[in-house]
Amino acid sequence: MISVHRPSAPKIPDGEKVDFDDIQKKRQNKDLIELQSLIDAHFECRKKEEEELIALKERIEKRRAERAEQQRIRAEKDKERQARREAERIRKEEADAHRKYEDEAKKKIALSSMGSGYSSSLQRIEAKRGKKQTEREKKKKTLAERCKPLNIDNFSEDNLREKANELWELLRNLEEIKYDHCEALKRQRYEVVSLRNRIDELQKHSKKGAASRRRK
């Protein structure tokens, strides 16, 4: 059998009077001190958390301000870069326009100094070019009218063979026409080169004659 030890009440010395109110008061004071310590610790922890929260907000605002400043600087650099590109584009366009104007002016001066003979020859060459262009357009139109879509879905073998022979004959004729045109083009180019050489010779003689007249 196991014996259970039960605590006994404290023995009060004989002849002494126990003040239960004082004991209760001391116990309450002790509890109040412990409670105040817990309250102080709670507010201290709360204060530390608030300080950390404020510091976190400050860091976030600082990063946000830094990002805004970086974006502003980047936007300014992009704007400056675009402005430089636009200025360079305008400068190139102005330079091209000025160069074209000078080239046109030089051509006009050269044409006026060469005289009406060269101008008329140049006009004839341009007229030939225009005529060639007109003839080329007519050929394209004629070919477009002649070269219609070929539908051979319902053709028999004999029809296909006949159509193939017809197309072969047409191709041979076109090759002959192409050869004739190439030869004619070669002759025209030769004539243009000869005409230009003749004009250059006339210009040289005219310059020599003018120089000899000035010496006289």
N, C-alpha and C. Protein backbone atom coordinates (compact mmCIF):
# COMPACT_ATOMS: atom_id res chain seq x y z
N MET A 1 0.85 -1.19 0.00
CA MET A 1 0.00 0.00 0.00
C MET A 1 0.88 1.23 0.00
N ILE A 2 0.57 2.18 -0.97
CA ILE A 2 1.37 3.40 -1.14
C ILE A 2 0.77 4.49 -0.28
N SER A 3 1.61 5.11 0.47
CA SER A 3 1.14 6.20 1.33
C SER A 3 1.26 7.51 0.59
N VAL A 4 0.28 8.40 0.69
CA VAL A 4 0.25 9.71 0.03
C VAL A 4 0.56 10.77 1.07
N HIS A 5 1.62 11.62 0.73
CA HIS A 5 2.02 12.68 1.66
C HIS A 5 1.22 13.93 1.36
N ARG A 6 0.50 14.39 2.31
CA ARG A 6 -0.30 15.59 2.15
C ARG A 6 0.37 16.72 2.91
N PRO A 7 0.50 17.91 2.21
CA PRO A 7 1.16 19.03 2.91
C PRO A 7 0.28 19.52 4.04
N SER A 8 0.94 19.80 5.07
CA SER A 8 0.20 20.30 6.25
C SER A 8 0.26 21.80 6.29
N ALA A 9 -0.69 22.42 6.88
CA ALA A 9 -0.75 23.88 7.00
C ALA A 9 0.40 24.37 7.86
N PRO A 10 0.93 25.55 7.52
CA PRO A 10 2.05 26.06 8.33
C PRO A 10 1.62 26.27 9.79
N LYS A 11 2.54 25.92 10.60
CA LYS A 11 2.25 26.05 12.04
C LYS A 11 2.50 27.48 12.49
N ILE A 12 1.58 27.95 13.16
CA ILE A 12 1.69 29.32 13.68
C ILE A 12 2.23 29.23 15.12
N PRO A 13 3.31 29.95 15.34
CA PRO A 13 3.87 29.90 16.72
C PRO A 13 2.82 30.32 17.75
N ASP A 14 2.96 29.71 18.84
CA ASP A 14 2.02 30.03 19.92
C ASP A 14 2.24 31.45 20.41
N GLY A 15 1.19 32.10 20.63
CA GLY A 15 1.25 33.44 21.18
C GLY A 15 1.36 34.53 20.13
N GLU A 16 1.52 34.17 18.80
CA GLU A 16 1.62 35.19 17.74
C GLU A 16 0.29 35.31 17.03
N LYS A 17 -0.01 36.54 16.62
CA LYS A 17 -1.25 36.83 15.92
C LYS A 17 -0.96 36.95 14.42
N VAL A 18 -1.73 36.26 13.60
CA VAL A 18 -1.53 36.28 12.13
C VAL A 18 -2.42 37.36 11.53
N ASP A 19 -1.76 38.25 10.68
CA ASP A 19 -2.52 39.32 9.98
C ASP A 19 -2.77 38.87 8.54
N PHE A 20 -3.95 38.28 8.33
CA PHE A 20 -4.28 37.80 6.98
C PHE A 20 -4.46 38.94 5.99
N ASP A 21 -4.89 40.07 6.43
CA ASP A 21 -5.03 41.23 5.52
C ASP A 21 -3.68 41.67 4.98
N ASP A 22 -2.70 41.63 5.84
CA ASP A 22 -1.36 42.03 5.38
C ASP A 22 -0.81 41.03 4.36
N ILE A 23 -1.05 39.75 4.63
CA ILE A 23 -0.60 38.73 3.67
C ILE A 23 -1.30 38.91 2.33
N GLN A 24 -2.59 39.16 2.38
CA GLN A 24 -3.36 39.36 1.14
C GLN A 24 -2.88 40.60 0.40
N LYS A 25 -2.58 41.62 1.15
CA LYS A 25 -2.12 42.87 0.53
C LYS A 25 -0.76 42.68 -0.13
N LYS A 26 0.15 41.96 0.54
CA LYS A 26 1.46 41.70 -0.06
C LYS A 26 1.34 40.87 -1.33
N ARG A 27 0.43 39.90 -1.26
CA ARG A 27 0.23 39.06 -2.45
C ARG A 27 -0.33 39.89 -3.62
N GLN A 28 -1.25 40.78 -3.34
CA GLN A 28 -1.80 41.64 -4.39
C GLN A 28 -0.73 42.58 -4.95
N ASN A 29 0.11 43.11 -4.07
CA ASN A 29 1.19 43.99 -4.54
C ASN A 29 2.15 43.23 -5.46
N LYS A 30 2.43 42.00 -5.07
CA LYS A 30 3.32 41.18 -5.91
C LYS A 30 2.70 40.92 -7.28
N ASP A 31 1.37 40.60 -7.25
CA ASP A 31 0.69 40.37 -8.53
C ASP A 31 0.66 41.64 -9.38
N LEU A 32 0.46 42.78 -8.73
CA LEU A 32 0.45 44.05 -9.47
C LEU A 32 1.81 44.34 -10.09
N ILE A 33 2.86 44.06 -9.33
CA ILE A 33 4.22 44.29 -9.86
C ILE A 33 4.48 43.39 -11.07
N GLU A 34 4.09 42.11 -10.96
CA GLU A 34 4.28 41.19 -12.10
C GLU A 34 3.45 41.63 -13.31
N LEU A 35 2.20 42.06 -13.05
CA LEU A 35 1.35 42.53 -14.14
C LEU A 35 1.92 43.78 -14.81
N GLN A 36 2.45 44.69 -13.96
CA GLN A 36 3.05 45.90 -14.52
C GLN A 36 4.29 45.56 -15.36
N SER A 37 5.04 44.58 -14.91
CA SER A 37 6.22 44.14 -15.69
C SER A 37 5.79 43.58 -17.04
N LEU A 38 4.70 42.78 -17.03
CA LEU A 38 4.20 42.23 -18.29
C LEU A 38 3.71 43.34 -19.22
N ILE A 39 3.01 44.32 -18.63
CA ILE A 39 2.51 45.45 -19.44
C ILE A 39 3.66 46.24 -20.02
N ASP A 40 4.69 46.51 -19.18
CA ASP A 40 5.85 47.25 -19.68
C ASP A 40 6.56 46.49 -20.79
N ALA A 41 6.70 45.17 -20.60
CA ALA A 41 7.36 44.36 -21.64
C ALA A 41 6.54 44.36 -22.93
N HIS A 42 5.21 44.31 -22.78
CA HIS A 42 4.34 44.34 -23.97
C HIS A 42 4.49 45.65 -24.74
N PHE A 43 4.45 46.76 -24.00
CA PHE A 43 4.57 48.06 -24.67
C PHE A 43 5.97 48.27 -25.25
N GLU A 44 6.97 47.72 -24.58
CA GLU A 44 8.33 47.82 -25.11
C GLU A 44 8.44 47.05 -26.43
N CYS A 45 7.85 45.84 -26.45
CA CYS A 45 7.84 45.05 -27.69
C CYS A 45 7.04 45.76 -28.78
N ARG A 46 5.90 46.34 -28.35
CA ARG A 46 5.06 47.08 -29.31
C ARG A 46 5.82 48.28 -29.88
N LYS A 47 6.55 48.97 -29.03
CA LYS A 47 7.32 50.12 -29.47
C LYS A 47 8.41 49.70 -30.46
N LYS A 48 9.07 48.59 -30.16
CA LYS A 48 10.12 48.09 -31.06
C LYS A 48 9.53 47.69 -32.41
N GLU A 49 8.37 47.04 -32.39
CA GLU A 49 7.72 46.65 -33.65
C GLU A 49 7.32 47.88 -34.46
N GLU A 50 6.81 48.92 -33.77
CA GLU A 50 6.45 50.14 -34.47
C GLU A 50 7.67 50.81 -35.08
N GLU A 51 8.79 50.81 -34.34
CA GLU A 51 10.02 51.39 -34.87
C GLU A 51 10.50 50.62 -36.10
N GLU A 52 10.44 49.28 -36.01
CA GLU A 52 10.83 48.47 -37.17
C GLU A 52 9.91 48.72 -38.35
N LEU A 53 8.60 48.87 -38.08
CA LEU A 53 7.65 49.15 -39.15
C LEU A 53 7.93 50.51 -39.80
N ILE A 54 8.23 51.50 -38.97
CA ILE A 54 8.56 52.83 -39.51
C ILE A 54 9.83 52.76 -40.35
N ALA A 55 10.84 52.03 -39.85
CA ALA A 55 12.09 51.89 -40.61
C ALA A 55 11.84 51.17 -41.94
N LEU A 56 10.96 50.15 -41.93
CA LEU A 56 10.63 49.44 -43.16
C LEU A 56 9.94 50.36 -44.16
N LYS A 57 8.98 51.16 -43.66
CA LYS A 57 8.31 52.11 -44.54
C LYS A 57 9.29 53.12 -45.13
N GLU A 58 10.23 53.57 -44.31
CA GLU A 58 11.24 54.52 -44.80
C GLU A 58 12.11 53.89 -45.88
N ARG A 59 12.49 52.61 -45.68
CA ARG A 59 13.29 51.94 -46.70
C ARG A 59 12.50 51.78 -47.99
N ILE A 60 11.20 51.43 -47.86
CA ILE A 60 10.36 51.28 -49.05
C ILE A 60 10.23 52.60 -49.79
N GLU A 61 9.99 53.69 -49.05
CA GLU A 61 9.88 55.00 -49.68
C GLU A 61 11.19 55.42 -50.33
N LYS A 62 12.31 55.08 -49.68
CA LYS A 62 13.61 55.41 -50.25
C LYS A 62 13.84 54.66 -51.55
N ARG A 63 13.51 53.35 -51.57
CA ARG A 63 13.66 52.58 -52.81
C ARG A 63 12.74 53.12 -53.90
N ARG A 64 11.51 53.47 -53.51
CA ARG A 64 10.57 54.01 -54.49
C ARG A 64 11.09 55.32 -55.07
N ALA A 65 11.65 56.18 -54.21
CA ALA A 65 12.21 57.44 -54.69
C ALA A 65 13.41 57.19 -55.60
N GLU A 66 14.26 56.21 -55.24
CA GLU A 66 15.42 55.89 -56.08
C GLU A 66 14.97 55.37 -57.44
N ARG A 67 13.95 54.49 -57.46
CA ARG A 67 13.45 53.98 -58.74
C ARG A 67 12.85 55.11 -59.58
N ALA A 68 12.10 56.00 -58.93
CA ALA A 68 11.53 57.14 -59.66
C ALA A 68 12.63 58.02 -60.25
N GLU A 69 13.69 58.23 -59.48
CA GLU A 69 14.81 59.04 -59.99
C GLU A 69 15.51 58.34 -61.15
N GLN A 70 15.70 57.04 -61.03
CA GLN A 70 16.32 56.29 -62.13
C GLN A 70 15.46 56.34 -63.38
N GLN A 71 14.14 56.19 -63.22
CA GLN A 71 13.24 56.27 -64.37
C GLN A 71 13.26 57.65 -64.99
N ARG A 72 13.34 58.69 -64.14
CA ARG A 72 13.40 60.05 -64.67
C ARG A 72 14.67 60.27 -65.47
N ILE A 73 15.80 59.80 -64.92
CA ILE A 73 17.07 59.95 -65.64
C ILE A 73 17.05 59.17 -66.95
N ARG A 74 16.49 57.93 -66.90
CA ARG A 74 16.40 57.13 -68.11
C ARG A 74 15.51 57.80 -69.15
N ALA A 75 14.39 58.38 -68.70
CA ALA A 75 13.48 59.07 -69.63
C ALA A 75 14.16 60.28 -70.25
N GLU A 76 14.94 61.02 -69.45
CA GLU A 76 15.66 62.18 -69.99
C GLU A 76 16.70 61.74 -71.01
N LYS A 77 17.41 60.65 -70.71
CA LYS A 77 18.41 60.16 -71.66
C LYS A 77 17.75 59.70 -72.96
N ASP A 78 16.61 58.99 -72.84
CA ASP A 78 15.88 58.57 -74.04
C ASP A 78 15.41 59.77 -74.85
N LYS A 79 14.93 60.79 -74.15
CA LYS A 79 14.47 62.00 -74.83
C LYS A 79 15.62 62.69 -75.54
N GLU A 80 16.77 62.78 -74.87
CA GLU A 80 17.95 63.39 -75.50
C GLU A 80 18.40 62.57 -76.70
N ARG A 81 18.37 61.22 -76.55
CA ARG A 81 18.78 60.37 -77.66
C ARG A 81 17.85 60.55 -78.86
N GLN A 82 16.55 60.59 -78.61
CA GLN A 82 15.59 60.81 -79.70
C GLN A 82 15.78 62.18 -80.33
N ALA A 83 16.07 63.19 -79.50
CA ALA A 83 16.30 64.53 -80.05
C ALA A 83 17.53 64.54 -80.94
N ARG A 84 18.60 63.83 -80.51
CA ARG A 84 19.80 63.77 -81.35
C ARG A 84 19.53 63.05 -82.66
N ARG A 85 18.76 61.96 -82.59
CA ARG A 85 18.41 61.23 -83.82
C ARG A 85 17.59 62.10 -84.76
N GLU A 86 16.63 62.83 -84.19
CA GLU A 86 15.80 63.70 -85.02
C GLU A 86 16.63 64.82 -85.65
N ALA A 87 17.54 65.39 -84.84
CA ALA A 87 18.41 66.44 -85.38
C ALA A 87 19.32 65.88 -86.48
N GLU A 88 19.85 64.67 -86.27
CA GLU A 88 20.70 64.05 -87.29
C GLU A 88 19.90 63.76 -88.56
N ARG A 89 18.64 63.29 -88.39
CA ARG A 89 17.80 63.02 -89.56
C ARG A 89 17.52 64.31 -90.34
N ILE A 90 17.19 65.38 -89.62
CA ILE A 90 16.93 66.66 -90.28
C ILE A 90 18.18 67.16 -90.98
N ARG A 91 19.35 67.00 -90.31
CA ARG A 91 20.60 67.46 -90.92
C ARG A 91 20.89 66.70 -92.21
N LYS A 92 20.67 65.37 -92.18
CA LYS A 92 20.91 64.58 -93.39
C LYS A 92 19.94 64.96 -94.50
N GLU A 93 18.67 65.17 -94.14
CA GLU A 93 17.69 65.57 -95.16
C GLU A 93 18.06 66.91 -95.77
N GLU A 94 18.48 67.85 -94.92
CA GLU A 94 18.88 69.16 -95.44
C GLU A 94 20.13 69.03 -96.32
N ALA A 95 21.08 68.19 -95.90
CA ALA A 95 22.29 68.00 -96.70
C ALA A 95 21.95 67.35 -98.05
N ASP A 96 21.05 66.35 -98.03
CA ASP A 96 20.63 65.71 -99.28
C ASP A 96 19.92 66.70 -100.19
N ALA A 97 19.03 67.51 -99.60
CA ALA A 97 18.31 68.49 -100.40
C ALA A 97 19.27 69.51 -100.99
N HIS A 98 20.25 69.94 -100.19
CA HIS A 98 21.23 70.91 -100.69
C HIS A 98 22.08 70.31 -101.80
N ARG A 99 22.47 69.04 -101.61
CA ARG A 99 23.27 68.38 -102.63
C ARG A 99 22.48 68.20 -103.93
N LYS A 100 21.20 67.82 -103.81
CA LYS A 100 20.37 67.69 -105.00
C LYS A 100 20.19 69.03 -105.70
N TYR A 101 20.02 70.08 -104.90
CA TYR A 101 19.87 71.42 -105.49
C TYR A 101 21.13 71.81 -106.24
N GLU A 102 22.30 71.54 -105.64
CA GLU A 102 23.56 71.87 -106.32
C GLU A 102 23.74 71.04 -107.58
N ASP A 103 23.37 69.76 -107.53
CA ASP A 103 23.48 68.91 -108.72
C ASP A 103 22.58 69.42 -109.84
N GLU A 104 21.34 69.79 -109.48
CA GLU A 104 20.43 70.32 -110.50
C GLU A 104 20.97 71.62 -111.08
N ALA A 105 21.52 72.47 -110.20
CA ALA A 105 22.07 73.73 -110.69
C ALA A 105 23.25 73.49 -111.62
N LYS A 106 24.12 72.53 -111.27
CA LYS A 106 25.26 72.21 -112.13
C LYS A 106 24.80 71.66 -113.48
N LYS A 107 23.75 70.82 -113.44
CA LYS A 107 23.23 70.28 -114.70
C LYS A 107 22.69 71.39 -115.59
N LYS A 108 21.95 72.32 -114.97
CA LYS A 108 21.39 73.42 -115.75
C LYS A 108 22.50 74.28 -116.35
N ILE A 109 23.53 74.55 -115.54
CA ILE A 109 24.66 75.35 -116.06
C ILE A 109 25.36 74.62 -117.18
N ALA A 110 25.56 73.30 -116.99
CA ALA A 110 26.24 72.53 -118.03
C ALA A 110 25.41 72.49 -119.31
N LEU A 111 24.10 72.32 -119.17
CA LEU A 111 23.24 72.28 -120.35
C LEU A 111 23.21 73.62 -121.06
N SER A 112 23.17 74.70 -120.29
CA SER A 112 23.14 76.02 -120.92
C SER A 112 24.46 76.34 -121.60
N SER A 113 25.57 75.86 -121.06
CA SER A 113 26.88 76.12 -121.67
C SER A 113 27.13 75.24 -122.89
N MET A 114 26.51 74.09 -122.94
CA MET A 114 26.72 73.20 -124.08
C MET A 114 25.97 73.65 -125.33
N GLY A 115 24.97 74.44 -125.15
CA GLY A 115 24.27 74.95 -126.34
C GLY A 115 23.05 74.15 -126.69
N SER A 116 22.36 74.65 -127.68
CA SER A 116 21.10 74.04 -128.08
C SER A 116 21.31 72.70 -128.78
N GLY A 117 22.49 72.49 -129.39
CA GLY A 117 22.75 71.24 -130.10
C GLY A 117 22.72 70.05 -129.16
N TYR A 118 23.41 70.21 -128.04
CA TYR A 118 23.43 69.12 -127.07
C TYR A 118 22.06 68.93 -126.43
N SER A 119 21.38 70.05 -126.20
CA SER A 119 20.05 69.96 -125.59
C SER A 119 19.09 69.21 -126.49
N SER A 120 19.15 69.51 -127.79
CA SER A 120 18.26 68.81 -128.71
C SER A 120 18.62 67.33 -128.79
N SER A 121 19.92 67.02 -128.76
CA SER A 121 20.33 65.61 -128.77
C SER A 121 19.85 64.90 -127.51
N LEU A 122 19.99 65.61 -126.38
CA LEU A 122 19.52 65.02 -125.13
C LEU A 122 18.02 64.82 -125.15
N GLN A 123 17.31 65.77 -125.75
CA GLN A 123 15.86 65.62 -125.85
C GLN A 123 15.49 64.43 -126.71
N ARG A 124 16.25 64.22 -127.80
CA ARG A 124 15.97 63.07 -128.65
C ARG A 124 16.20 61.76 -127.89
N ILE A 125 17.28 61.74 -127.08
CA ILE A 125 17.56 60.54 -126.29
C ILE A 125 16.44 60.29 -125.29
N GLU A 126 16.00 61.37 -124.62
CA GLU A 126 14.90 61.21 -123.66
C GLU A 126 13.62 60.79 -124.36
N ALA A 127 13.40 61.32 -125.59
CA ALA A 127 12.20 60.93 -126.34
C ALA A 127 12.25 59.45 -126.68
N LYS A 128 13.45 58.96 -127.05
CA LYS A 128 13.59 57.54 -127.34
C LYS A 128 13.32 56.70 -126.09
N ARG A 129 13.82 57.20 -124.95
CA ARG A 129 13.56 56.46 -123.70
C ARG A 129 12.07 56.42 -123.39
N GLY A 130 11.41 57.57 -123.60
CA GLY A 130 9.97 57.59 -123.37
C GLY A 130 9.22 56.68 -124.32
N LYS A 131 9.70 56.64 -125.57
CA LYS A 131 9.07 55.75 -126.55
C LYS A 131 9.28 54.29 -126.16
N LYS A 132 10.50 53.98 -125.67
CA LYS A 132 10.76 52.61 -125.23
C LYS A 132 9.86 52.25 -124.05
N GLN A 133 9.69 53.22 -123.15
CA GLN A 133 8.84 52.95 -122.00
C GLN A 133 7.40 52.70 -122.44
N THR A 134 6.92 53.52 -123.40
CA THR A 134 5.56 53.33 -123.90
C THR A 134 5.41 51.98 -124.58
N GLU A 135 6.40 51.61 -125.40
CA GLU A 135 6.35 50.31 -126.07
C GLU A 135 6.39 49.17 -125.06
N ARG A 136 7.19 49.35 -124.00
CA ARG A 136 7.27 48.30 -122.98
C ARG A 136 5.92 48.12 -122.29
N GLU A 137 5.26 49.24 -121.99
CA GLU A 137 3.94 49.15 -121.37
C GLU A 137 2.93 48.48 -122.29
N LYS A 138 3.01 48.80 -123.60
CA LYS A 138 2.11 48.16 -124.55
C LYS A 138 2.35 46.65 -124.60
N LYS A 139 3.65 46.27 -124.56
CA LYS A 139 3.97 44.84 -124.59
C LYS A 139 3.42 44.13 -123.35
N LYS A 140 3.57 44.79 -122.20
CA LYS A 140 3.04 44.18 -120.98
C LYS A 140 1.53 44.00 -121.07
N LYS A 141 0.86 45.03 -121.60
CA LYS A 141 -0.59 44.94 -121.72
C LYS A 141 -0.99 43.83 -122.69
N THR A 142 -0.26 43.75 -123.82
CA THR A 142 -0.57 42.71 -124.81
C THR A 142 -0.34 41.32 -124.24
N LEU A 143 0.79 41.16 -123.51
CA LEU A 143 1.07 39.86 -122.90
C LEU A 143 0.02 39.50 -121.85
N ALA A 144 -0.43 40.52 -121.11
CA ALA A 144 -1.46 40.25 -120.10
C ALA A 144 -2.76 39.81 -120.75
N GLU A 145 -3.06 40.39 -121.94
CA GLU A 145 -4.29 40.00 -122.63
C GLU A 145 -4.16 38.62 -123.25
N ARG A 146 -2.95 38.32 -123.74
CA ARG A 146 -2.75 37.03 -124.41
C ARG A 146 -2.56 35.89 -123.41
N CYS A 147 -1.80 36.17 -122.36
CA CYS A 147 -1.46 35.11 -121.40
C CYS A 147 -2.61 34.96 -120.40
N LYS A 148 -3.61 34.23 -120.79
CA LYS A 148 -4.75 33.98 -119.92
C LYS A 148 -4.53 32.68 -119.15
N PRO A 149 -5.19 32.51 -118.02
CA PRO A 149 -5.03 31.26 -117.25
C PRO A 149 -5.41 30.03 -118.07
N LEU A 150 -4.56 29.02 -117.97
CA LEU A 150 -4.75 27.79 -118.74
C LEU A 150 -5.46 26.75 -117.87
N ASN A 151 -6.63 26.33 -118.33
CA ASN A 151 -7.41 25.32 -117.60
C ASN A 151 -7.35 23.99 -118.37
N ILE A 152 -6.67 23.00 -117.79
CA ILE A 152 -6.48 21.71 -118.48
C ILE A 152 -7.14 20.58 -117.70
N ASP A 153 -8.11 20.92 -116.88
CA ASP A 153 -8.74 19.88 -116.05
C ASP A 153 -9.46 18.84 -116.91
N ASN A 154 -10.14 19.31 -117.97
CA ASN A 154 -10.95 18.40 -118.81
C ASN A 154 -10.22 17.98 -120.09
N PHE A 155 -8.89 18.20 -120.17
CA PHE A 155 -8.14 17.85 -121.38
C PHE A 155 -7.86 16.35 -121.40
N SER A 156 -7.96 15.81 -122.61
CA SER A 156 -7.54 14.42 -122.80
C SER A 156 -6.04 14.38 -123.07
N GLU A 157 -5.50 13.18 -123.23
CA GLU A 157 -4.06 13.06 -123.49
C GLU A 157 -3.69 13.70 -124.81
N ASP A 158 -4.51 13.52 -125.85
CA ASP A 158 -4.23 14.14 -127.15
C ASP A 158 -4.32 15.65 -127.06
N ASN A 159 -5.31 16.14 -126.32
CA ASN A 159 -5.43 17.59 -126.16
C ASN A 159 -4.23 18.17 -125.42
N LEU A 160 -3.77 17.45 -124.40
CA LEU A 160 -2.60 17.92 -123.67
C LEU A 160 -1.37 17.96 -124.57
N ARG A 161 -1.20 16.91 -125.40
CA ARG A 161 -0.06 16.87 -126.31
C ARG A 161 -0.14 18.02 -127.31
N GLU A 162 -1.33 18.26 -127.83
CA GLU A 162 -1.51 19.35 -128.80
C GLU A 162 -1.24 20.71 -128.14
N LYS A 163 -1.72 20.88 -126.92
CA LYS A 163 -1.50 22.15 -126.21
C LYS A 163 -0.02 22.33 -125.89
N ALA A 164 0.68 21.24 -125.55
CA ALA A 164 2.11 21.34 -125.27
C ALA A 164 2.88 21.77 -126.51
N ASN A 165 2.53 21.20 -127.68
CA ASN A 165 3.19 21.61 -128.92
C ASN A 165 2.90 23.07 -129.24
N GLU A 166 1.66 23.48 -128.99
CA GLU A 166 1.30 24.88 -129.25
C GLU A 166 2.09 25.83 -128.35
N LEU A 167 2.22 25.46 -127.07
CA LEU A 167 2.99 26.31 -126.15
C LEU A 167 4.47 26.32 -126.50
N TRP A 168 4.99 25.18 -126.96
CA TRP A 168 6.39 25.13 -127.37
C TRP A 168 6.63 26.05 -128.56
N GLU A 169 5.73 26.03 -129.53
CA GLU A 169 5.86 26.90 -130.70
C GLU A 169 5.77 28.37 -130.29
N LEU A 170 4.87 28.67 -129.36
CA LEU A 170 4.75 30.05 -128.87
C LEU A 170 6.01 30.49 -128.15
N LEU A 171 6.59 29.59 -127.36
CA LEU A 171 7.82 29.91 -126.64
C LEU A 171 8.96 30.17 -127.61
N ARG A 172 9.04 29.36 -128.68
CA ARG A 172 10.10 29.55 -129.67
C ARG A 172 9.95 30.90 -130.37
N ASN A 173 8.71 31.26 -130.70
CA ASN A 173 8.48 32.56 -131.33
C ASN A 173 8.85 33.71 -130.40
N LEU A 174 8.53 33.53 -129.12
CA LEU A 174 8.88 34.57 -128.15
C LEU A 174 10.38 34.72 -128.01
N GLU A 175 11.11 33.61 -128.05
CA GLU A 175 12.57 33.68 -127.98
C GLU A 175 13.13 34.43 -129.19
N GLU A 176 12.55 34.19 -130.37
CA GLU A 176 13.00 34.91 -131.56
C GLU A 176 12.72 36.40 -131.43
N ILE A 177 11.52 36.73 -130.93
CA ILE A 177 11.18 38.14 -130.75
C ILE A 177 12.11 38.78 -129.72
N LYS A 178 12.43 38.03 -128.66
CA LYS A 178 13.33 38.55 -127.64
C LYS A 178 14.72 38.81 -128.22
N TYR A 179 15.18 37.90 -129.06
CA TYR A 179 16.50 38.06 -129.69
C TYR A 179 16.51 39.30 -130.58
N ASP A 180 15.45 39.48 -131.38
CA ASP A 180 15.38 40.65 -132.25
C ASP A 180 15.38 41.94 -131.44
N HIS A 181 14.65 41.95 -130.35
CA HIS A 181 14.61 43.15 -129.50
C HIS A 181 15.97 43.42 -128.87
N CYS A 182 16.67 42.37 -128.44
CA CYS A 182 18.00 42.55 -127.84
C CYS A 182 18.97 43.14 -128.86
N GLU A 183 18.92 42.64 -130.09
CA GLU A 183 19.79 43.18 -131.13
C GLU A 183 19.45 44.63 -131.43
N ALA A 184 18.15 44.94 -131.48
CA ALA A 184 17.75 46.33 -131.72
C ALA A 184 18.21 47.23 -130.58
N LEU A 185 18.13 46.72 -129.35
CA LEU A 185 18.58 47.49 -128.20
C LEU A 185 20.08 47.73 -128.24
N LYS A 186 20.84 46.72 -128.66
CA LYS A 186 22.29 46.91 -128.80
C LYS A 186 22.61 48.00 -129.81
N ARG A 187 21.88 47.98 -130.96
CA ARG A 187 22.13 49.01 -131.97
C ARG A 187 21.78 50.40 -131.44
N GLN A 188 20.68 50.48 -130.70
CA GLN A 188 20.28 51.78 -130.15
C GLN A 188 21.31 52.28 -129.14
N ARG A 189 21.83 51.38 -128.32
CA ARG A 189 22.86 51.79 -127.37
C ARG A 189 24.12 52.25 -128.08
N TYR A 190 24.47 51.55 -129.13
CA TYR A 190 25.64 51.94 -129.90
C TYR A 190 25.44 53.33 -130.51
N GLU A 191 24.23 53.58 -131.01
CA GLU A 191 23.95 54.89 -131.58
C GLU A 191 24.02 55.98 -130.51
N VAL A 192 23.52 55.69 -129.31
CA VAL A 192 23.57 56.68 -128.24
C VAL A 192 25.01 56.98 -127.85
N VAL A 193 25.83 55.91 -127.72
CA VAL A 193 27.24 56.12 -127.36
C VAL A 193 27.95 56.92 -128.44
N SER A 194 27.68 56.59 -129.70
CA SER A 194 28.31 57.33 -130.80
C SER A 194 27.88 58.79 -130.77
N LEU A 195 26.60 59.03 -130.50
CA LEU A 195 26.11 60.40 -130.44
C LEU A 195 26.77 61.17 -129.30
N ARG A 196 26.93 60.53 -128.16
CA ARG A 196 27.58 61.20 -127.04
C ARG A 196 29.04 61.50 -127.34
N ASN A 197 29.73 60.55 -127.98
CA ASN A 197 31.13 60.80 -128.35
C ASN A 197 31.23 61.95 -129.33
N ARG A 198 30.30 62.02 -130.28
CA ARG A 198 30.31 63.11 -131.25
C ARG A 198 30.08 64.45 -130.55
N ILE A 199 29.15 64.45 -129.56
CA ILE A 199 28.88 65.68 -128.83
C ILE A 199 30.11 66.11 -128.03
N ASP A 200 30.80 65.13 -127.41
CA ASP A 200 32.02 65.46 -126.66
C ASP A 200 33.08 66.05 -127.57
N GLU A 201 33.23 65.50 -128.77
CA GLU A 201 34.21 66.03 -129.72
C GLU A 201 33.84 67.46 -130.12
N LEU A 202 32.55 67.70 -130.39
CA LEU A 202 32.12 69.05 -130.74
C LEU A 202 32.38 70.03 -129.60
N GLN A 203 32.15 69.59 -128.37
CA GLN A 203 32.41 70.47 -127.23
C GLN A 203 33.89 70.79 -127.12
N LYS A 204 34.75 69.78 -127.33
CA LYS A 204 36.19 70.03 -127.25
C LYS A 204 36.61 71.05 -128.31
N HIS A 205 36.10 70.87 -129.54
CA HIS A 205 36.47 71.81 -130.61
C HIS A 205 35.94 73.20 -130.31
N SER A 206 34.72 73.28 -129.76
CA SER A 206 34.16 74.60 -129.46
C SER A 206 34.96 75.29 -128.36
N LYS A 207 35.42 74.53 -127.36
CA LYS A 207 36.23 75.12 -126.29
C LYS A 207 37.58 75.58 -126.82
N LYS A 208 38.19 74.77 -127.72
CA LYS A 208 39.48 75.18 -128.29
C LYS A 208 39.32 76.44 -129.13
N GLY A 209 38.23 76.51 -129.91
CA GLY A 209 38.00 77.70 -130.72
C GLY A 209 37.78 78.93 -129.87
N ALA A 210 37.05 78.79 -128.78
CA ALA A 210 36.81 79.93 -127.89
C ALA A 210 38.11 80.36 -127.23
N ALA A 211 38.95 79.40 -126.85
CA ALA A 211 40.22 79.75 -126.21
C ALA A 211 41.14 80.46 -127.19
N SER A 212 41.18 80.02 -128.46
CA SER A 212 42.03 80.68 -129.46
C SER A 212 41.52 82.08 -129.76
N ARG A 213 40.21 82.27 -129.76
CA ARG A 213 39.66 83.60 -130.00
C ARG A 213 40.00 84.53 -128.84
N ARG A 214 40.00 84.02 -127.63
CA ARG A 214 40.35 84.86 -126.48
C ARG A 214 41.82 85.26 -126.54
N ARG A 215 42.70 84.35 -127.01
CA ARG A 215 44.12 84.69 -127.10
C ARG A 215 44.35 85.77 -128.14
N LYS A 216 43.55 85.73 -129.24
CA LYS A 216 43.69 86.78 -130.27
C LYS A 216 43.22 88.12 -129.72
